[in-house]
Protein backbone atom coordinates (compact mmCIF):
# COMPACT_ATOMS: atom_id res chain seq x y z
CA MET A 1 -3.98 -18.81 12.14
CA ALA A 2 -3.68 -15.26 11.49
CA ARG A 3 -1.66 -16.00 8.09
CA HIS A 4 -3.72 -13.90 5.81
CA PRO A 5 -2.67 -8.45 4.91
CA PRO A 6 4.70 7.12 -30.97
CA ARG A 7 8.09 8.46 -32.68
CA ALA A 8 8.49 12.47 -31.18
CA PRO A 9 7.09 14.62 -33.59
CA SER A 10 10.57 16.75 -35.65
CA ALA A 11 8.97 19.86 -34.35
CA LYS A 12 8.31 20.79 -30.92
CA PRO A 13 4.25 21.44 -30.72
CA SER A 14 2.97 24.53 -29.69
CA ARG A 15 1.03 23.35 -26.24
CA ARG A 16 -2.78 23.91 -25.89
CA PRO A 17 -5.07 24.51 -23.35
CA ASP A 18 -6.84 21.13 -22.14
CA PRO A 19 -10.24 20.98 -23.96
CA GLN A 20 -13.34 22.24 -22.00
CA PRO A 21 -15.81 19.68 -21.68
CA LYS A 22 -19.19 19.62 -23.62
CA PRO A 23 -22.06 19.56 -21.88
CA ALA A 24 -23.40 16.49 -23.89
CA ALA A 25 -20.10 14.88 -23.17
CA ALA A 26 -21.09 15.19 -19.41
CA ALA A 27 -24.41 13.47 -19.96
CA ALA A 28 -23.11 10.56 -21.49
CA ALA A 29 -20.49 10.11 -18.78
CA LYS A 30 -23.25 10.55 -16.09
CA ARG A 31 -24.97 7.39 -18.35
CA ALA A 32 -22.09 5.70 -18.40
CA ALA A 33 -21.09 5.61 -14.36
CA ASP A 34 -24.33 3.59 -14.14
CA GLY A 35 -22.42 1.29 -11.65
CA GLY A 36 -19.31 2.98 -10.88
CA LEU A 37 -17.26 4.21 -13.78
CA VAL A 38 -13.73 4.45 -13.02
CA VAL A 39 -11.91 8.11 -13.77
CA GLY A 40 -8.63 9.70 -13.16
CA PRO A 41 -8.12 13.75 -12.17
CA GLY A 42 -8.93 16.12 -14.58
CA PRO A 43 -7.40 19.86 -15.29
CA ASN A 44 -9.53 21.26 -13.00
CA HIS A 45 -11.18 20.53 -9.66
CA ARG A 46 -15.00 20.14 -11.68
CA THR A 47 -13.78 17.83 -14.20
CA VAL A 48 -12.38 14.08 -15.09
CA ARG A 49 -10.55 12.06 -17.37
CA ASP A 50 -12.59 9.04 -18.78
CA ALA A 51 -10.75 5.44 -19.68
CA GLN A 52 -9.81 7.06 -23.37
CA GLY A 53 -8.16 10.52 -21.65
CA ARG A 54 -11.14 13.23 -22.38
CA VAL A 55 -11.87 15.55 -20.39
CA VAL A 56 -15.33 15.51 -19.03
CA ALA A 57 -17.38 17.88 -16.34
CA ALA A 58 -18.65 16.24 -13.44
CA PRO A 59 -22.52 16.86 -13.30
CA GLU A 60 -23.42 20.17 -11.57
CA ASP A 61 -25.35 18.44 -9.31
CA TRP A 62 -22.31 15.75 -8.10
CA VAL A 63 -19.48 16.44 -5.51
CA LEU A 64 -16.35 14.68 -4.90
CA LEU A 65 -16.36 12.74 -1.59
CA GLU A 66 -12.68 12.42 -0.87
CA PRO A 67 -11.38 8.96 1.00
CA GLY A 68 -11.36 9.05 4.76
CA ASP A 69 -14.63 7.65 5.62
CA ALA A 70 -15.05 4.17 4.78
CA ALA A 71 -18.23 3.23 5.77
CA LEU A 72 -19.90 6.27 3.81
CA THR A 73 -17.83 5.98 1.01
CA ARG A 74 -19.46 2.12 0.74
CA ARG A 75 -22.59 3.38 1.02
CA VAL A 76 -22.54 5.77 -1.34
CA LYS A 77 -21.57 3.53 -4.05
CA ALA A 78 -23.85 1.41 -3.17
CA ALA A 79 -26.64 3.80 -3.30
CA GLY A 80 -26.59 4.18 -6.95
CA ASP A 81 -24.63 6.16 -9.81
CA HIS A 82 -21.12 7.48 -9.07
CA TRP A 83 -17.76 7.65 -10.58
CA LEU A 84 -14.72 5.69 -8.75
CA MET A 85 -11.73 8.84 -8.92
CA GLN A 86 -7.97 6.71 -9.27
CA GLU A 87 -4.46 8.21 -9.91
CA LYS A 88 -1.69 5.98 -10.81
CA GLN A 89 1.67 6.68 -9.67
CA GLY A 90 4.01 4.42 -10.63
CA ARG A 91 2.88 1.07 -9.95
CA ARG A 92 0.40 1.64 -7.82
CA THR A 93 -3.27 3.19 -8.18
CA PHE A 94 -4.27 5.55 -5.54
CA SER A 95 -8.16 5.94 -4.55
CA ARG A 96 -9.05 9.67 -5.24
CA GLY A 97 -12.40 9.68 -3.62
CA VAL A 98 -16.17 9.13 -5.41
CA TRP A 99 -17.87 11.58 -7.30
CA ALA A 100 -21.72 11.05 -6.23
CA PRO A 101 -24.92 13.02 -6.14
CA GLU A 102 -24.38 15.85 -3.62
CA ALA A 103 -27.98 15.24 -2.18
CA THR A 104 -26.94 11.44 -1.70
CA VAL A 105 -24.00 12.08 -0.24
CA GLU A 106 -25.23 14.65 2.36
CA ARG A 107 -28.28 12.01 3.13
CA ILE A 108 -25.99 8.94 4.10
CA ARG A 109 -23.62 11.48 5.71
CA HIS A 110 -26.29 12.55 7.98
CA GLU A 111 -27.77 8.91 8.17
CA LEU A 112 -24.37 8.11 10.06
CA VAL A 113 -24.00 10.95 12.21
CA ALA A 114 -27.24 9.85 14.34
CA GLU A 115 -26.17 6.15 13.68
CA ARG A 116 -22.65 6.92 15.25
CA SER A 117 -23.94 8.38 17.95
CA THR A 118 -26.06 5.61 19.49
CA GLU A 119 -24.50 3.65 22.49
CA ALA A 120 -25.35 0.31 20.47
CA TRP A 121 -22.69 1.75 17.94
CA ALA A 122 -20.22 2.45 20.16
CA LYS A 123 -20.34 -0.78 21.80
CA LYS A 124 -19.84 -2.46 18.10
CA GLN A 125 -17.05 -0.36 17.66
CA ALA A 126 -15.30 -1.39 20.65
CA SER A 127 -15.97 -5.05 20.08
CA ALA A 128 -14.43 -4.80 16.20
CA LEU A 129 -11.48 -2.52 18.02
CA LYS A 130 -10.74 -5.72 20.29
CA ARG A 131 -11.34 -8.18 17.61
CA ARG A 132 -8.83 -6.35 15.29
CA GLU A 133 -6.37 -5.91 18.24
CA ALA A 134 -6.34 -9.80 18.70
CA ASP A 135 -5.94 -10.43 14.99
CA GLN A 136 -3.16 -8.41 14.83
CA ALA A 137 -1.41 -9.58 18.08
CA GLU A 138 -1.93 -13.56 16.02
CA TYR A 139 -0.64 -12.41 12.85
CA VAL A 140 2.37 -10.84 14.47
CA ASP A 141 3.18 -13.80 16.26
CA ASP A 142 2.72 -16.06 13.08
CA PHE A 143 5.37 -13.94 11.44
CA LEU A 144 7.55 -13.77 13.87
CA SER A 145 7.58 -17.90 13.68
CA ALA A 146 7.77 -17.55 9.66
CA VAL A 147 10.61 -15.24 9.96
CA ILE A 148 12.61 -17.53 12.29
CA ALA A 149 11.96 -20.49 10.15
CA PHE A 150 13.19 -18.43 7.00
CA LEU A 151 16.23 -17.46 9.13
CA ALA A 152 17.08 -21.09 10.03
CA PHE A 153 20.22 -19.74 12.38
CA HIS A 154 22.36 -22.81 13.18
CA PRO A 155 21.66 -23.15 17.15
CA THR A 156 24.96 -21.79 17.81
CA TYR A 157 23.38 -18.47 16.63
CA GLY A 158 19.87 -18.57 18.28
CA ASP A 159 19.75 -15.83 20.31
CA ARG A 160 21.21 -13.57 17.14
CA ALA A 161 18.01 -15.38 14.86
CA LEU A 162 15.35 -14.17 17.68
CA LYS A 163 16.98 -10.84 18.29
CA LEU A 164 16.98 -10.17 14.17
CA ALA A 165 13.32 -11.30 13.78
CA ARG A 166 11.70 -10.06 16.69
CA ALA A 167 13.43 -6.47 14.57
CA VAL A 168 12.40 -7.29 11.04
CA THR A 169 8.66 -8.08 13.08
CA THR A 170 8.26 -5.22 14.84
CA HIS A 171 9.14 -3.24 11.44
CA ALA A 172 7.17 -5.03 9.10
CA THR A 173 3.73 -5.87 10.67
CA PRO A 174 2.28 -2.78 11.95
CA VAL A 175 -0.91 -1.80 10.28
CA GLY A 176 -0.76 0.88 7.48
CA SER A 177 2.91 -0.23 7.59
CA GLY A 178 2.74 -0.50 3.72
CA THR A 179 5.25 -2.98 3.94
CA VAL A 180 5.32 -6.74 2.21
CA ALA A 181 4.29 -8.07 5.30
CA ARG A 182 0.94 -6.33 4.90
CA THR A 183 -0.11 -8.06 1.67
CA GLU A 184 -2.13 -11.18 1.40
CA ARG A 185 -1.29 -11.51 -2.08
CA ILE A 186 1.55 -14.03 -1.49
CA PRO A 187 2.12 -16.43 1.46
CA ILE A 188 3.49 -15.57 4.97
CA GLU A 189 6.20 -17.47 4.35
CA ARG A 190 7.27 -15.40 1.33
CA ARG A 191 6.47 -12.35 3.27
CA ALA A 192 8.79 -13.18 5.73
CA GLU A 193 11.31 -13.90 3.32
CA ALA A 194 10.67 -10.89 1.39
CA ALA A 195 10.57 -8.81 5.07
CA VAL A 196 14.07 -10.24 6.18
CA ILE A 197 15.90 -9.28 2.57
CA ALA A 198 14.35 -5.45 2.62
CA TRP A 199 15.57 -5.36 6.42
CA LEU A 200 19.18 -6.54 5.39
CA ARG A 201 19.08 -4.41 2.46
CA HIS A 202 18.51 -0.93 4.73
CA GLN A 203 20.42 -2.22 7.59
CA THR A 204 23.65 -4.44 5.80
CA THR A 205 24.35 -2.60 2.51
CA GLY A 206 24.89 1.05 0.96
CA TYR A 207 21.50 0.66 -0.80
CA ASP A 208 19.86 4.04 0.77
CA GLN A 209 23.09 5.86 -0.05
CA MET A 210 23.51 4.65 -3.55
CA LYS A 211 22.61 6.70 -6.54
CA ILE A 212 20.96 4.52 -8.60
CA ALA A 213 20.64 5.20 -12.62
CA ARG A 214 17.26 6.73 -13.31
CA VAL A 215 16.82 3.79 -15.72
CA LYS A 216 14.07 1.07 -16.28
CA GLY A 217 15.20 -1.86 -14.10
CA LYS A 218 18.21 -0.52 -12.67
CA ARG A 219 16.65 -0.29 -9.20
CA ARG A 220 15.34 -3.85 -9.40
CA GLU A 221 18.31 -4.87 -10.79
CA VAL A 222 20.43 -3.50 -7.71
CA ARG A 223 18.24 -5.30 -5.21
CA ARG A 224 18.44 -8.26 -6.81
CA MET A 225 22.18 -8.37 -6.53
CA LEU A 226 21.86 -7.01 -2.57
CA ALA A 227 19.87 -9.65 -2.21
CA GLU A 228 21.93 -12.32 -3.28
CA ARG A 229 24.64 -10.97 -1.47
CA SER A 230 22.23 -11.03 2.16
CA ARG A 231 21.61 -14.71 1.19
CA GLU A 232 24.90 -15.39 1.13
CA LEU A 233 25.25 -13.49 4.50
CA LEU A 234 22.38 -15.48 6.10
CA GLY A 235 23.91 -18.83 4.85
CA ARG A 236 27.03 -18.34 7.23
CA TYR A 237 24.81 -17.87 10.08
CA ARG A 238 22.81 -20.91 9.06
CA SER A 239 25.92 -23.21 8.86
CA GLY A 240 27.46 -22.14 12.31
CA ALA A 241 30.62 -21.44 10.74
CA PRO A 242 32.41 -18.63 12.64
CA ILE A 243 31.46 -15.20 12.02
CA PRO A 244 34.40 -13.06 10.79
CA PRO A 245 35.25 -9.52 12.26
CA GLY A 246 33.44 -6.89 11.02
CA CYS A 247 30.52 -8.86 9.89
CA PRO A 248 27.76 -6.34 8.91
CA LEU A 249 24.80 -8.26 10.25
CA SER A 250 26.75 -9.13 13.09
CA LYS A 251 27.03 -5.45 13.36
CA ALA A 252 23.44 -4.44 12.29
CA ILE A 253 22.30 -7.25 14.88
CA ALA A 254 24.34 -5.75 17.77
CA ALA A 255 22.54 -2.64 16.88
CA ILE A 256 19.31 -3.27 17.61
CA THR A 257 17.63 -1.78 20.94
CA GLY A 258 14.89 -3.08 22.87
């Protein structure tokens, strides 16, 4: 089954320009890069920052290979010296490319161009696409089943459960959607639960219009509170009890199209 995606100074200091990297620092960084040194973006396009925050110049014969071609990136990293440039935004870390010798990048790029022009490569890609599509279809079916199992609506509301489950699955499972359904770090059952709670948060509460204070932990606190409300809402449908007029979930399910 496809169950796996220091105290502030009293006086405000004058702003100093970023220090200019020294040649010796660049050389040291290049030696440290053997095996893939992780760096961050520097103050300009030919510099990076190391783990200590020091500005280091990229070697003159190196170029930045930007993200986008996974095969090219893999082969360049496997070919030898390189730096992995990453940037952290919030709790997520994004790849900003790979620094590597220009000669290496261009050699491998030309090799890939030649390889990708062959009929054998085209057939391989078509086969891989067909396999990915089959895997995705299987995962969507498994996720839908997991959502229905989590909802566990009373038979009286079975049709609503199916309609809701399909809506949550359609929203959460597309490749590249970035939703919790695409992660492999938690079991599919927990992914299904998280996807349902997220859908309910956006469709049955005023979360999207809330003005939440930019205080650490406040948004998480609000989400936790709304999640409890959503679970209480689901409880009515699980028990089979009559649904009162104006039920937000009933309205949301009725608004689902397709």
